Amino acid sequence: MKPYDDCIYCGGQVEERLERIDYRYHGQLFIIEQVPTGVCRQCGEKFFTAEVAKRLERVASEANQAIRTVAVPVLSL
């Protein structure tokens, strides 16, 4: 069984890659690396399996185990 169906937006083929994800949890922004992500080869839309989505939430909730911290500029248009 394939972990990902075709893209629900454009119908393109979705392949798994390890991506860096910007993830928001309780109003905070986290950057999570090495996330198994389904990426559409045609439009670039990203998808997660249910297991990965649960792991993302768990990792963000345990933010005291961060491997490093970066400053992020905030801009206004």
Protein backbone atom coordinates (compact mmCIF):
# COMPACT_ATOMS: atom_id res chain seq x y z
CA MET A 1 0.00 0.00 0.00
CA LYS A 2 1.29 3.49 -0.90
CA PRO A 3 1.61 5.87 2.05
CA TYR A 4 0.20 8.72 -0.09
CA ASP A 5 -2.49 8.90 -2.75
CA ASP A 6 -2.19 11.23 -5.71
CA CYS A 7 -2.45 14.96 -4.92
CA ILE A 8 -5.98 16.00 -3.99
CA TYR A 9 -5.43 19.42 -5.60
CA CYS A 10 -3.88 18.68 -9.00
CA GLY A 11 -3.83 14.89 -9.30
CA GLY A 12 -0.02 14.78 -9.47
CA GLN A 13 2.13 11.99 -8.10
CA VAL A 14 3.11 12.38 -4.44
CA GLU A 15 6.55 11.17 -3.34
CA GLU A 16 8.00 11.00 0.15
CA ARG A 17 10.90 13.30 1.07
CA LEU A 18 12.51 14.44 4.30
CA GLU A 19 11.56 18.10 4.67
CA ARG A 20 12.03 20.98 7.09
CA ILE A 21 8.57 22.00 8.32
CA ASP A 22 7.44 25.29 9.87
CA TYR A 23 4.93 24.09 12.49
CA ARG A 24 2.71 26.22 14.72
CA TYR A 25 1.62 24.85 18.09
CA HIS A 26 -0.28 26.89 20.71
CA GLY A 27 0.70 30.16 19.05
CA GLN A 28 4.41 29.34 18.81
CA LEU A 29 6.41 28.68 15.66
CA PHE A 30 8.68 25.63 15.56
CA ILE A 31 11.01 24.48 12.79
CA ILE A 32 11.08 20.69 12.69
CA GLU A 33 13.69 19.00 10.51
CA GLN A 34 13.85 15.57 8.87
CA VAL A 35 10.05 15.19 8.65
CA PRO A 36 8.80 12.41 6.33
CA THR A 37 6.53 14.41 4.02
CA GLY A 38 4.53 13.54 0.93
CA VAL A 39 5.32 16.21 -1.69
CA CYS A 40 3.40 16.53 -4.96
CA ARG A 41 5.84 16.38 -7.88
CA GLN A 42 3.55 18.65 -9.91
CA CYS A 43 2.35 21.45 -7.60
CA GLY A 44 4.53 21.04 -4.49
CA GLU A 45 1.66 20.60 -2.02
CA LYS A 46 2.74 18.78 1.16
CA PHE A 47 0.95 15.96 2.96
CA PHE A 48 1.54 14.04 6.20
CA THR A 49 0.45 10.59 7.28
CA ALA A 50 -1.63 10.47 10.49
CA GLU A 51 1.35 8.98 12.33
CA VAL A 52 3.67 11.83 11.27
CA ALA A 53 1.04 14.47 12.18
CA LYS A 54 0.81 13.00 15.70
CA ARG A 55 4.61 12.95 16.00
CA LEU A 56 4.82 16.62 14.92
CA GLU A 57 2.41 17.62 17.69
CA ARG A 58 4.26 15.53 20.27
CA VAL A 59 7.67 17.00 19.31
CA ALA A 60 6.30 20.57 19.48
CA SER A 61 4.73 19.90 22.88
CA GLU A 62 8.17 18.78 24.14
CA ALA A 63 9.89 21.96 22.94
CA ASN A 64 12.24 21.97 25.93
CA GLN A 65 14.20 19.32 23.99
CA ALA A 66 15.05 21.69 21.11
CA ILE A 67 18.39 21.00 19.43
CA ARG A 68 18.94 24.71 18.72
CA THR A 69 17.12 28.07 18.64
CA VAL A 70 17.13 30.61 15.79
CA ALA A 71 15.98 34.23 15.65
CA VAL A 72 13.22 34.86 13.10
CA PRO A 73 12.59 38.40 11.81
CA VAL A 74 8.98 39.59 11.93
CA LEU A 75 7.94 41.91 9.09
CA SER A 76 4.80 43.77 8.14
CA LEU A 77 3.58 44.56 4.65
